[in-house]
Amino acid sequence: MTKKTQPTKKMSNNISLLAVSVAFALTAGTAQASMGNLGTTFGLSPVDIASAQSFSLFNSQSSAAYYNPSALATAGQGEMYVGLLSATPDMTAGEQAFDEATQPILAGMNVNVTNLFNFSYPIYFGLIAGIENYGTEMMAFSSSTSETGQLANYGEKPLFVAASGSIQIVPGLTIGGGAQVSLHADAAMNLESELDGTAAGNESVAIAAEPVITPIAGITLDFGRMMCGSDTSCSGNGITFAAAFRGESYGQANIKAAATITQTVTDLPINLLTYDAYQPDIISAGVRIKAGMVSFAFSAEQQNWSDLNALMLNDTVKDQASVGFEDIIIPRAGMELNFNDTVKLMAGASYEVSPLDPEKATLDVNYLSADKLVVGAGISYFHKGTGLTAYPWQIDLAYQLQVLDPTDHTITHQDSANNSSVELEGTVSTISLSFATKF
């Protein structure tokens, strides 16, 4: 006697198939993505990484398009930029180890476009872009719960693009503005199947990504150029102030799926909305003091992570977590030694408080985060472009170490009997190398 197929079992198989399709759409990358942003978690150029971002407000390279657009016009020359970055965590949480590297390739430019306008003021345009896995992954995106814990800020980063412009109003005063671009993806899926589990041949998948613009603005005041002119004894000479604002940005996936089981279920909807690679509103300000061959930079930035709490309530994957992000202020300090405008040494440090309170467990999502000390060092070599090269060029190399304060976290589940406690500890090592041609 032949055993009859149970409709409920076949329906479960089809729902599982649909769930797999949704999961596939969410996880474009093989490694875990995170809520972190490349520019805020590590830095973009070797100067940013070596100085723990203390000199980022004053760096006139392509990364200024993201950190402080007004710095673009302080360069005095254009550049074409390419850089490599590899950030490798060596962290543990209980018996779980985290060692998957973040490895983007970055490309950028800073171009003098003054001749395109009928202005006497210098105008510059800058662009910086980063693509994960050394340029092979533009949509490194995942969103999931975790039974053992997942890092809140480390992991793959999706496509990173920032474009800005800068104009010098008077000698020493420059302003700038631009935008960071993030991607919001929409996916529509339909699955039709027979009761016995065979496909009816009417499946469809449609995915579209829409760019979303986030504002960036900055101002730079070089008091020496504004007030002192050629007077080298002036008290304001060598002092520069800068401030910048970067707006909230994040990746988003909105997935609408529907299953039709012939003669049983006409419409079984599965709708998912989830977020990734979050950057809060950031306000930063700093001062650079230059005395001869030595420069010091001191800056602070406020990151408004609390705005993420309301956003997470709409996240279908993580809305049960009751995430409690808090606003933080990060102090940064750095030093630069410039030897004859050819060799430059850089170093910096910062102390970054975690925006996530470890005492507030994130149910089922189980985010792991900790306060950390960030220290960096680097070297820059500038060649004037004689001999075989027609234009000057520059090579920068940097190393950064992030040391996490050992922090206890409670791993929570819907079934509270399975709750456990783990300690997050370890380090993150970042190496960055870049080459830039000046023109």
Protein backbone atom coordinates (compact mmCIF):
# COMPACT_ATOMS: atom_id res chain seq x y z
CA MET A 1 0.00 0.00 0.00
CA THR A 2 1.40 3.37 -1.03
CA LYS A 3 1.74 5.94 1.72
CA LYS A 4 0.00 9.24 0.92
CA THR A 5 1.91 12.51 1.00
CA GLN A 6 0.95 14.78 3.86
CA PRO A 7 -0.04 18.26 2.60
CA THR A 8 1.24 19.98 5.76
CA LYS A 9 4.68 18.47 5.26
CA LYS A 10 4.82 19.60 1.63
CA MET A 11 3.66 23.07 2.59
CA SER A 12 6.46 23.21 5.16
CA ASN A 13 8.96 22.23 2.45
CA ASN A 14 7.80 25.06 0.21
CA ILE A 15 7.87 27.60 3.02
CA SER A 16 11.40 26.45 3.81
CA LEU A 17 12.34 26.91 0.16
CA LEU A 18 11.00 30.46 0.24
CA ALA A 19 12.87 31.17 3.45
CA VAL A 20 16.09 29.98 1.83
CA SER A 21 15.48 32.36 -1.07
CA VAL A 22 14.96 35.26 1.33
CA ALA A 23 18.09 34.33 3.26
CA PHE A 24 20.08 34.20 0.03
CA ALA A 25 18.94 37.69 -0.88
CA LEU A 26 20.02 38.99 2.53
CA THR A 27 23.50 37.45 2.52
CA ALA A 28 25.31 38.66 -0.56
CA GLY A 29 28.70 38.28 1.17
CA THR A 30 30.18 35.11 2.60
CA ALA A 31 31.51 36.72 5.78
CA GLN A 32 29.38 38.50 8.32
CA ALA A 33 28.56 42.13 7.73
CA SER A 34 28.03 44.55 10.61
CA MET A 35 26.41 47.78 11.72
CA GLY A 36 29.76 49.56 11.33
CA ASN A 37 30.94 52.03 8.71
CA LEU A 38 34.38 51.83 7.08
CA GLY A 39 35.29 55.48 7.62
CA THR A 40 34.30 55.57 11.30
CA THR A 41 35.44 52.08 12.35
CA PHE A 42 39.00 52.14 10.92
CA GLY A 43 39.70 55.17 8.73
CA LEU A 44 40.07 55.53 4.95
CA SER A 45 43.60 56.67 4.10
CA PRO A 46 46.86 55.75 5.88
CA VAL A 47 46.90 59.28 7.34
CA ASP A 48 43.51 58.66 8.97
CA ILE A 49 44.53 55.21 10.20
CA ALA A 50 47.98 56.21 11.51
CA SER A 51 46.67 59.27 13.36
CA ALA A 52 43.58 57.47 14.75
CA GLN A 53 41.58 60.00 12.66
CA SER A 54 42.96 62.96 14.64
CA PHE A 55 44.36 64.52 11.42
CA SER A 56 41.34 63.53 9.27
CA LEU A 57 39.77 67.00 9.51
CA PHE A 58 42.97 68.53 8.08
CA ASN A 59 43.98 65.87 5.55
CA SER A 60 43.60 67.32 2.02
CA GLN A 61 43.80 63.94 0.25
CA SER A 62 40.80 62.28 -1.39
CA SER A 63 39.44 61.08 1.96
CA ALA A 64 38.60 64.72 2.74
CA ALA A 65 35.53 64.21 0.55
CA TYR A 66 34.18 62.20 3.49
CA TYR A 67 35.79 63.64 6.65
CA ASN A 68 35.89 67.37 5.86
CA PRO A 69 35.10 68.57 2.31
CA SER A 70 36.54 72.03 2.96
CA ALA A 71 40.04 70.52 3.29
CA LEU A 72 40.03 69.62 -0.42
CA ALA A 73 40.75 73.23 -1.42
CA THR A 74 43.71 73.46 0.96
CA ALA A 75 45.71 70.95 -1.10
CA GLY A 76 46.96 73.39 -3.72
CA GLN A 77 47.22 70.52 -6.23
CA GLY A 78 45.16 67.62 -7.51
CA GLU A 79 45.72 63.92 -6.97
CA MET A 80 44.71 60.45 -8.14
CA TYR A 81 44.58 58.01 -5.25
CA VAL A 82 44.46 54.24 -4.77
CA GLY A 83 44.76 52.42 -1.45
CA LEU A 84 44.51 48.98 0.14
CA LEU A 85 43.30 48.22 3.65
CA SER A 86 43.25 45.01 5.65
CA ALA A 87 41.72 44.96 9.14
CA THR A 88 41.97 41.60 10.95
CA PRO A 89 40.29 40.99 14.32
CA ASP A 90 41.76 38.60 16.85
CA MET A 91 38.89 38.45 19.31
CA THR A 92 37.10 35.86 21.39
CA ALA A 93 33.75 35.71 23.14
CA GLY A 94 33.64 32.56 25.25
CA GLU A 95 34.58 29.70 22.94
CA GLN A 96 33.76 31.70 19.79
CA ALA A 97 36.63 33.29 17.82
CA PHE A 98 36.34 36.22 15.39
CA ASP A 99 39.10 36.45 12.77
CA GLU A 100 37.45 37.35 9.44
CA ALA A 101 39.21 40.33 7.85
CA THR A 102 37.75 43.48 6.33
CA GLN A 103 39.66 44.04 3.07
CA PRO A 104 38.47 46.90 0.86
CA ILE A 105 40.26 48.60 -1.99
CA LEU A 106 39.87 52.38 -2.11
CA ALA A 107 40.15 54.77 -5.03
CA GLY A 108 39.78 58.52 -5.12
CA MET A 109 40.71 61.84 -6.64
CA ASN A 110 40.96 65.52 -5.81
CA VAL A 111 40.74 67.79 -8.86
CA ASN A 112 41.03 71.55 -9.31
CA VAL A 113 37.95 72.51 -11.34
CA THR A 114 38.31 76.29 -11.04
CA ASN A 115 38.63 76.70 -14.83
CA LEU A 116 35.14 75.27 -15.31
CA PHE A 117 33.59 78.31 -13.60
CA ASN A 118 33.79 82.07 -13.95
CA PHE A 119 35.11 82.50 -10.43
CA SER A 120 38.43 83.73 -9.15
CA TYR A 121 38.15 81.49 -6.09
CA PRO A 122 39.90 78.09 -6.12
CA ILE A 123 37.33 75.28 -6.43
CA TYR A 124 38.13 71.59 -5.91
CA PHE A 125 36.13 68.39 -6.40
CA GLY A 126 36.93 65.19 -4.48
CA LEU A 127 35.76 61.59 -4.60
CA ILE A 128 36.55 58.53 -2.46
CA ALA A 129 35.12 55.03 -2.96
CA GLY A 130 35.74 51.69 -1.26
CA ILE A 131 34.75 48.20 -2.41
CA GLU A 132 34.97 45.17 -0.09
CA ASN A 133 37.11 42.03 -0.60
CA TYR A 134 39.72 43.95 -2.60
CA GLY A 135 37.20 45.26 -5.10
CA THR A 136 35.08 42.15 -5.73
CA GLU A 137 32.04 42.78 -3.46
CA MET A 138 29.88 45.88 -3.75
CA MET A 139 26.89 44.56 -1.78
CA ALA A 140 28.45 42.86 1.25
CA PHE A 141 25.24 42.67 3.24
CA SER A 142 23.86 40.36 5.91
CA SER A 143 21.39 40.59 8.77
CA SER A 144 20.78 37.82 11.26
CA THR A 145 20.18 36.76 14.82
CA SER A 146 22.88 34.82 16.66
CA GLU A 147 22.79 32.14 19.34
CA THR A 148 26.42 32.76 20.37
CA GLY A 149 26.90 36.51 19.79
CA GLN A 150 27.93 38.71 16.86
CA LEU A 151 30.19 41.76 16.60
CA ALA A 152 28.33 45.05 16.31
CA ASN A 153 31.01 47.04 14.43
CA TYR A 154 33.36 44.61 12.71
CA GLY A 155 32.82 42.60 9.54
CA GLU A 156 32.41 43.20 5.83
CA LYS A 157 31.55 46.71 4.67
CA PRO A 158 29.36 47.41 1.63
CA LEU A 159 30.12 49.87 -1.16
CA PHE A 160 31.46 53.14 0.25
CA VAL A 161 31.18 56.32 -1.86
CA ALA A 162 31.56 59.99 -0.89
CA ALA A 163 31.78 62.95 -3.28
CA SER A 164 32.29 66.59 -2.27
CA GLY A 165 33.32 70.02 -3.46
CA SER A 166 35.28 72.82 -1.79
CA ILE A 167 35.81 76.52 -2.42
CA GLN A 168 38.27 78.99 -0.91
CA ILE A 169 36.35 82.13 0.04
CA VAL A 170 39.39 84.15 1.17
CA PRO A 171 42.97 82.99 1.83
CA GLY A 172 42.73 80.74 4.87
CA LEU A 173 38.94 80.26 4.81
CA THR A 174 37.50 77.33 2.88
CA ILE A 175 34.07 75.74 2.99
CA GLY A 176 32.86 72.52 1.45
CA GLY A 177 29.93 70.21 1.08
CA GLY A 178 28.98 66.94 -0.50
CA ALA A 179 27.29 63.62 0.03
CA GLN A 180 27.85 60.05 1.03
CA VAL A 181 25.99 57.49 -1.06
CA SER A 182 24.45 54.35 0.44
CA LEU A 183 22.31 51.70 -1.26
CA HIS A 184 18.75 50.73 -0.37
CA ALA A 185 17.77 47.47 -2.05
CA ASP A 186 14.25 46.28 -2.84
CA ALA A 187 13.57 42.66 -3.73
CA ALA A 188 10.33 41.05 -4.87
CA MET A 189 10.05 37.24 -5.01
CA ASN A 190 7.27 34.90 -6.03
CA LEU A 191 7.21 31.12 -5.68
CA GLU A 192 4.51 28.78 -6.99
CA SER A 193 4.54 25.07 -6.17
CA GLU A 194 2.43 21.94 -6.25
CA LEU A 195 1.43 20.05 -3.11
CA ASP A 196 4.04 17.36 -3.76
CA GLY A 197 6.83 19.94 -3.66
CA THR A 198 7.49 20.22 -7.42
CA ALA A 199 7.84 23.72 -8.85
CA ALA A 200 5.04 25.01 -11.02
CA GLY A 201 7.44 26.99 -13.20
CA ASN A 202 6.14 30.44 -12.28
CA GLU A 203 8.91 31.63 -9.95
CA SER A 204 10.30 35.14 -10.25
CA VAL A 205 12.86 37.33 -8.50
CA ALA A 206 13.38 41.07 -9.05
CA ILE A 207 16.02 43.10 -7.18
CA ALA A 208 16.70 46.83 -7.49
CA ALA A 209 19.11 49.08 -5.59
CA GLU A 210 18.46 52.79 -5.10
CA PRO A 211 21.19 55.26 -4.11
CA VAL A 212 20.40 57.36 -1.04
CA ILE A 213 22.21 60.65 -0.46
CA THR A 214 23.51 61.71 2.97
CA PRO A 215 24.83 65.29 3.42
CA ILE A 216 28.42 66.14 4.41
CA ALA A 217 29.69 69.66 5.19
CA GLY A 218 32.84 71.24 6.57
CA ILE A 219 34.74 74.45 7.22
CA THR A 220 38.47 75.12 7.65
CA LEU A 221 40.03 78.30 9.06
CA ASP A 222 43.78 78.74 8.75
CA PHE A 223 44.36 81.65 11.14
CA GLY A 224 47.91 82.11 9.96
CA ARG A 225 46.86 82.77 6.35
CA MET A 226 43.80 84.80 7.34
CA MET A 227 45.40 87.19 9.85
CA CYS A 228 49.16 86.96 9.58
CA GLY A 229 49.95 86.92 5.89
CA SER A 230 53.72 86.66 5.50
CA ASP A 231 54.42 87.64 9.12
CA THR A 232 56.02 84.47 10.54
CA SER A 233 56.17 85.95 14.06
CA CYS A 234 52.39 86.38 14.24
CA SER A 235 50.82 84.49 17.16
CA GLY A 236 48.15 82.93 14.94
CA ASN A 237 50.62 81.48 12.46
CA GLY A 238 50.45 77.69 12.24
CA ILE A 239 47.03 77.36 13.91
CA THR A 240 44.18 75.83 11.93
CA PHE A 241 40.64 75.11 13.08
CA ALA A 242 38.25 72.75 11.31
CA ALA A 243 34.73 71.43 11.86
CA ALA A 244 32.53 69.02 9.92
CA PHE A 245 29.14 67.35 9.90
CA ARG A 246 28.29 63.94 8.44
CA GLY A 247 24.66 62.87 8.29
CA GLU A 248 23.06 59.56 9.20
CA SER A 249 23.43 56.79 6.62
CA TYR A 250 22.75 53.06 6.44
CA GLY A 251 22.20 50.21 4.05
CA GLN A 252 18.70 48.81 3.75
CA ALA A 253 17.09 45.70 2.28
CA ASN A 254 13.32 45.57 1.80
CA ILE A 255 12.21 42.12 0.70
CA LYS A 256 8.66 41.20 -0.23
CA ALA A 257 8.14 37.52 -0.97
CA ALA A 258 5.00 35.49 -1.66
CA ALA A 259 4.40 31.76 -1.91
CA THR A 260 1.48 30.14 -3.68
CA ILE A 261 0.79 26.48 -2.97
CA THR A 262 -1.62 25.19 -5.63
CA GLN A 263 -5.09 24.31 -4.31
CA THR A 264 -4.04 24.93 -0.71
CA VAL A 265 -2.53 28.34 0.00
CA THR A 266 -3.15 31.13 -2.46
CA ASP A 267 -0.91 33.72 -0.85
CA LEU A 268 1.67 33.25 1.91
CA PRO A 269 3.46 36.61 2.29
CA ILE A 270 6.90 37.02 3.87
CA ASN A 271 7.97 40.65 4.23
CA LEU A 272 11.40 41.62 5.60
CA LEU A 273 12.93 45.03 6.26
CA THR A 274 16.45 45.15 7.71
CA TYR A 275 19.39 47.54 8.05
CA ASP A 276 23.17 47.30 7.82
CA ALA A 277 26.36 49.46 7.88
CA TYR A 278 24.93 52.22 10.05
CA GLN A 279 26.61 55.60 10.45
CA PRO A 280 25.04 58.05 12.95
CA ASP A 281 24.95 61.81 12.67
CA ILE A 282 28.51 62.92 13.45
CA ILE A 283 29.67 66.39 14.48
CA SER A 284 33.44 66.83 14.72
CA ALA A 285 35.78 69.71 15.46
CA GLY A 286 39.50 70.07 16.00
CA VAL A 287 42.59 72.23 15.96
CA ARG A 288 45.98 71.68 14.36
CA ILE A 289 49.06 73.45 15.69
CA LYS A 290 52.17 73.55 13.52
CA ALA A 291 55.54 74.64 14.85
CA GLY A 292 58.41 74.09 12.43
CA MET A 293 58.66 70.45 11.45
CA VAL A 294 56.23 69.29 14.16
CA SER A 295 52.43 69.39 14.00
CA PHE A 296 49.89 68.40 16.64
CA ALA A 297 46.19 67.74 16.12
CA PHE A 298 43.47 67.52 18.74
CA SER A 299 39.88 66.75 17.84
CA ALA A 300 36.64 65.38 19.22
CA GLU A 301 33.52 64.07 17.58
CA GLN A 302 30.01 63.38 18.79
CA GLN A 303 28.29 60.33 17.32
CA ASN A 304 24.51 60.24 17.82
CA TRP A 305 23.95 56.48 18.00
CA SER A 306 20.70 56.82 19.97
CA ASP A 307 18.87 57.59 16.72
CA LEU A 308 19.44 53.96 15.72
CA ASN A 309 17.12 52.70 18.47
CA ALA A 310 13.97 53.93 16.74
CA LEU A 311 15.19 52.62 13.39
CA MET A 312 15.79 49.14 14.79
CA LEU A 313 12.16 48.85 15.87
CA ASN A 314 11.28 48.55 12.18
CA ASP A 315 13.95 45.92 11.51
CA THR A 316 12.09 42.64 10.94
CA VAL A 317 15.15 40.55 11.80
CA LYS A 318 16.23 42.43 14.93
CA ASP A 319 13.16 44.25 16.27
CA GLN A 320 12.86 41.90 19.26
CA ALA A 321 16.34 42.85 20.52
CA SER A 322 15.38 46.10 22.36
CA VAL A 323 18.76 47.53 21.36
CA GLY A 324 19.92 50.41 23.57
CA PHE A 325 22.48 52.47 21.63
CA GLU A 326 23.78 55.64 23.30
CA ASP A 327 25.38 58.85 22.01
CA ILE A 328 29.15 58.98 22.48
CA ILE A 329 32.00 61.50 22.29
CA ILE A 330 35.40 60.35 20.99
CA PRO A 331 38.59 62.34 21.80
CA ARG A 332 41.51 62.05 19.38
CA ALA A 333 45.12 63.31 19.41
CA GLY A 334 47.96 62.98 16.92
CA MET A 335 51.45 64.15 16.02
CA GLU A 336 53.25 64.59 12.70
CA LEU A 337 56.97 65.03 11.98
CA ASN A 338 57.74 66.46 8.54
CA PHE A 339 61.33 65.97 7.36
CA ASN A 340 62.21 68.33 4.45
CA ASP A 341 58.77 67.80 2.84
CA THR A 342 59.94 64.35 1.71
CA VAL A 343 59.56 61.95 4.64
CA LYS A 344 56.77 62.34 7.15
CA LEU A 345 56.10 60.30 10.30
CA MET A 346 52.64 60.15 11.86
CA ALA A 347 51.20 58.80 15.10
CA GLY A 348 47.92 59.12 16.95
CA ALA A 349 45.60 57.73 19.58
CA SER A 350 41.95 57.80 20.58
CA TYR A 351 39.71 56.23 23.18
CA GLU A 352 36.35 55.11 21.85
CA VAL A 353 33.51 54.28 24.21
CA SER A 354 31.14 51.64 22.91
CA PRO A 355 27.75 53.05 21.86
CA LEU A 356 26.15 49.80 23.04
CA ASP A 357 25.66 49.32 26.79
CA PRO A 358 26.85 45.75 27.54
CA GLU A 359 24.51 45.54 30.51
CA LYS A 360 21.52 45.82 28.18
CA ALA A 361 21.22 42.43 26.51
CA THR A 362 19.98 42.31 22.91
CA LEU A 363 17.55 39.40 22.85
CA ASP A 364 18.38 36.75 20.19
CA VAL A 365 20.49 39.25 18.19
CA ASN A 366 23.19 39.30 20.89
CA TYR A 367 25.38 42.17 19.74
CA LEU A 368 28.90 42.26 21.21
CA SER A 369 30.78 45.53 21.67
CA ALA A 370 33.39 47.05 23.97
CA ASP A 371 35.27 50.25 24.78
CA LYS A 372 38.62 50.36 22.99
CA LEU A 373 41.96 52.13 22.87
CA VAL A 374 43.10 52.93 19.33
CA VAL A 375 46.76 53.68 18.55
CA GLY A 376 48.41 54.08 15.17
CA ALA A 377 51.63 55.00 13.42
CA GLY A 378 52.68 55.56 9.82
CA ILE A 379 55.18 56.91 7.34
CA SER A 380 54.78 58.96 4.18
CA TYR A 381 57.27 59.43 1.35
CA PHE A 382 56.84 62.25 -1.17
CA HIS A 383 58.76 62.21 -4.48
CA LYS A 384 58.98 65.44 -6.48
CA GLY A 385 58.61 63.73 -9.83
CA THR A 386 62.04 63.97 -11.36
CA GLY A 387 63.64 61.41 -13.65
CA LEU A 388 61.20 58.83 -15.06
CA THR A 389 58.06 60.33 -13.49
CA ALA A 390 56.56 63.50 -14.90
CA TYR A 391 54.44 64.28 -11.84
CA PRO A 392 55.09 64.13 -8.09
CA TRP A 393 53.86 61.05 -6.26
CA GLN A 394 53.39 59.92 -2.69
CA ILE A 395 53.39 56.56 -0.88
CA ASP A 396 51.81 56.18 2.56
CA LEU A 397 52.00 53.20 4.90
CA ALA A 398 50.16 52.90 8.23
CA TYR A 399 49.47 50.44 11.03
CA GLN A 400 46.72 50.68 13.62
CA LEU A 401 45.97 48.58 16.70
CA GLN A 402 42.60 48.58 18.45
CA VAL A 403 42.69 47.06 21.94
CA LEU A 404 39.30 46.14 23.40
CA ASP A 405 38.58 46.42 27.11
CA PRO A 406 37.47 42.94 28.30
CA THR A 407 33.69 43.25 28.56
CA ASP A 408 31.09 40.80 29.86
CA HIS A 409 27.95 40.20 27.80
CA THR A 410 24.85 38.13 28.50
CA ILE A 411 23.80 35.95 25.56
CA THR A 412 19.99 35.91 25.73
CA HIS A 413 17.36 33.80 24.00
CA GLN A 414 13.58 33.62 23.92
CA ASP A 415 14.04 30.55 26.09
CA SER A 416 15.68 32.26 29.06
CA ALA A 417 16.83 28.89 30.42
CA ASN A 418 19.55 28.88 27.75
CA ASN A 419 21.00 32.31 28.63
CA SER A 420 24.75 32.43 29.16
CA SER A 421 27.55 34.90 29.86
CA VAL A 422 30.65 35.52 27.72
CA GLU A 423 33.57 37.94 27.87
CA LEU A 424 34.50 39.82 24.70
CA GLU A 425 38.22 40.57 24.47
CA GLY A 426 40.98 40.88 21.90
CA THR A 427 42.50 43.24 19.34
CA VAL A 428 42.06 44.42 15.75
CA SER A 429 45.13 45.00 13.56
CA THR A 430 44.85 47.24 10.50
CA ILE A 431 47.45 47.74 7.77
CA SER A 432 46.96 50.33 5.03
CA LEU A 433 49.04 51.20 1.96
CA SER A 434 48.30 53.90 -0.61
CA PHE A 435 49.78 55.49 -3.72
CA ALA A 436 48.85 58.95 -4.97
CA THR A 437 49.96 60.89 -8.05
CA LYS A 438 49.98 64.66 -7.66
CA PHE A 439 49.26 67.03 -10.53
